[in-house]
Amino acid sequence: MTEEPDTARLKALEARIAKVKGKPAKAKTENGKAFSQGEMAWRMVIELVTGMLLGLSIGFGLDTVFGTQPLFLVIFALLGFAAGVRTMLRTAQSMSVEHDKLNGGVSPDKDEGNDV
């Protein structure tokens, strides 16, 4: 018995099984390309925290170099927060575009002219 399976024979067997079941044999799809909502939520949280930490560290470093107490720390913390929020919004917008592509542009929470 061989160590490695024969891939050509395995594909032929999969095709025969699919034919018997009545399903067309399909090629392997690109699994792992789509992310779950939980993964996207964590991504957005990490983007916000990363922006804050970068802003805080830059501000603290500048305060240390120039000898000012909290001036640059506060300024860069606010800039880091703004950058994190901007990145989060860009991620949410790209998720929305991807969702619209998959659903044909129809969103379930939008009314289609039904005025109450």
Protein backbone atom coordinates (compact mmCIF):
# COMPACT_ATOMS: atom_id res chain seq x y z
CA MET A 1 0.00 0.00 0.00
CA THR A 2 1.35 3.42 -0.92
CA GLU A 3 2.06 6.21 1.55
CA GLU A 4 0.36 9.02 -0.44
CA PRO A 5 -3.08 8.63 -2.04
CA ASP A 6 -3.43 8.95 -5.79
CA THR A 7 -5.16 12.32 -6.30
CA ALA A 8 -6.41 11.50 -9.80
CA ARG A 9 -8.15 8.37 -8.56
CA LEU A 10 -9.66 10.25 -5.61
CA LYS A 11 -11.07 12.97 -7.89
CA ALA A 12 -12.52 10.34 -10.20
CA LEU A 13 -14.12 8.60 -7.23
CA GLU A 14 -15.60 11.91 -5.97
CA ALA A 15 -17.03 12.57 -9.43
CA ARG A 16 -18.60 9.11 -9.56
CA ILE A 17 -20.12 9.51 -6.10
CA ALA A 18 -21.49 12.93 -7.01
CA LYS A 19 -22.97 11.48 -10.21
CA VAL A 20 -24.70 8.71 -8.28
CA LYS A 21 -26.07 11.18 -5.73
CA GLY A 22 -27.35 13.38 -8.54
CA LYS A 23 -25.22 16.36 -7.68
CA PRO A 24 -22.74 17.82 -10.11
CA ALA A 25 -19.15 17.46 -9.04
CA LYS A 26 -18.00 20.90 -8.08
CA ALA A 27 -14.50 22.18 -7.75
CA LYS A 28 -13.22 23.13 -4.35
CA THR A 29 -14.37 26.59 -3.43
CA GLU A 30 -12.30 29.29 -1.81
CA ASN A 31 -13.15 28.58 1.81
CA GLY A 32 -11.90 31.04 4.35
CA LYS A 33 -12.41 34.11 2.17
CA ALA A 34 -15.56 35.26 3.93
CA PHE A 35 -15.38 36.35 7.53
CA SER A 36 -18.10 35.93 10.13
CA GLN A 37 -19.72 38.92 11.79
CA GLY A 38 -17.95 38.14 15.04
CA GLU A 39 -14.57 38.20 13.32
CA MET A 40 -15.40 41.51 11.69
CA ALA A 41 -16.53 42.96 15.03
CA TRP A 42 -13.23 41.94 16.63
CA ARG A 43 -11.38 43.44 13.70
CA MET A 44 -13.15 46.76 14.22
CA VAL A 45 -12.45 46.73 17.97
CA ILE A 46 -8.79 45.99 17.31
CA GLU A 47 -8.63 48.83 14.77
CA LEU A 48 -10.03 51.28 17.32
CA VAL A 49 -7.74 50.13 20.13
CA THR A 50 -4.71 50.14 17.84
CA GLY A 51 -5.40 53.72 16.77
CA MET A 52 -5.75 54.78 20.41
CA LEU A 53 -2.57 53.00 21.50
CA LEU A 54 -0.55 54.43 18.63
CA GLY A 55 -1.78 57.93 19.39
CA LEU A 56 -1.08 57.52 23.11
CA SER A 57 2.41 56.16 22.53
CA ILE A 58 3.34 58.90 20.04
CA GLY A 59 1.98 61.56 22.39
CA PHE A 60 3.79 60.10 25.39
CA GLY A 61 7.03 59.91 23.42
CA LEU A 62 6.77 63.52 22.28
CA ASP A 63 5.94 64.64 25.83
CA THR A 64 9.03 62.83 27.09
CA VAL A 65 11.28 64.33 24.40
CA PHE A 66 10.05 67.91 24.72
CA GLY A 67 9.43 67.86 28.49
CA THR A 68 5.78 68.86 28.27
CA GLN A 69 3.44 67.01 30.58
CA PRO A 70 0.13 65.94 29.02
CA LEU A 71 -0.05 68.27 26.01
CA PHE A 72 0.99 65.93 23.19
CA LEU A 73 -0.47 62.92 24.99
CA VAL A 74 -3.96 64.42 24.91
CA ILE A 75 -3.63 65.73 21.35
CA PHE A 76 -2.37 62.46 19.89
CA ALA A 77 -4.81 60.37 21.94
CA LEU A 78 -7.64 62.30 20.30
CA LEU A 79 -6.04 61.96 16.88
CA GLY A 80 -5.54 58.23 17.44
CA PHE A 81 -9.17 57.85 18.47
CA ALA A 82 -10.31 59.74 15.34
CA ALA A 83 -8.09 57.56 13.14
CA GLY A 84 -9.45 54.39 14.77
CA VAL A 85 -13.06 55.49 14.28
CA ARG A 86 -12.34 56.41 10.66
CA THR A 87 -10.80 53.00 10.02
CA MET A 88 -13.76 51.28 11.70
CA LEU A 89 -16.21 53.20 9.52
CA ARG A 90 -14.26 52.28 6.39
CA THR A 91 -14.41 48.60 7.41
CA ALA A 92 -18.15 48.85 8.07
CA GLN A 93 -18.67 50.48 4.68
CA SER A 94 -16.73 47.74 2.91
CA MET A 95 -18.80 45.12 4.78
CA SER A 96 -21.97 46.87 3.63
CA VAL A 97 -20.80 46.92 0.01
CA GLU A 98 -19.90 43.22 0.17
CA HIS A 99 -23.29 42.42 1.75
CA ASP A 100 -25.09 44.32 -1.01
CA LYS A 101 -23.11 42.44 -3.67
CA LEU A 102 -24.09 39.08 -2.20
CA ASN A 103 -27.76 40.00 -1.75
CA GLY A 104 -28.25 41.78 -5.05
CA GLY A 105 -28.45 45.26 -3.54
CA VAL A 106 -31.50 44.50 -1.38
CA SER A 107 -31.17 45.13 2.34
CA PRO A 108 -33.76 43.52 4.63
CA ASP A 109 -34.07 46.59 6.88
CA LYS A 110 -34.88 48.99 4.06
CA ASP A 111 -38.54 49.55 3.17
CA GLU A 112 -39.33 49.30 -0.50
CA GLY A 113 -41.83 52.16 -0.66
CA ASN A 114 -44.12 50.82 2.06
CA ASP A 115 -45.27 53.97 3.85
CA VAL A 116 -47.22 53.42 7.02
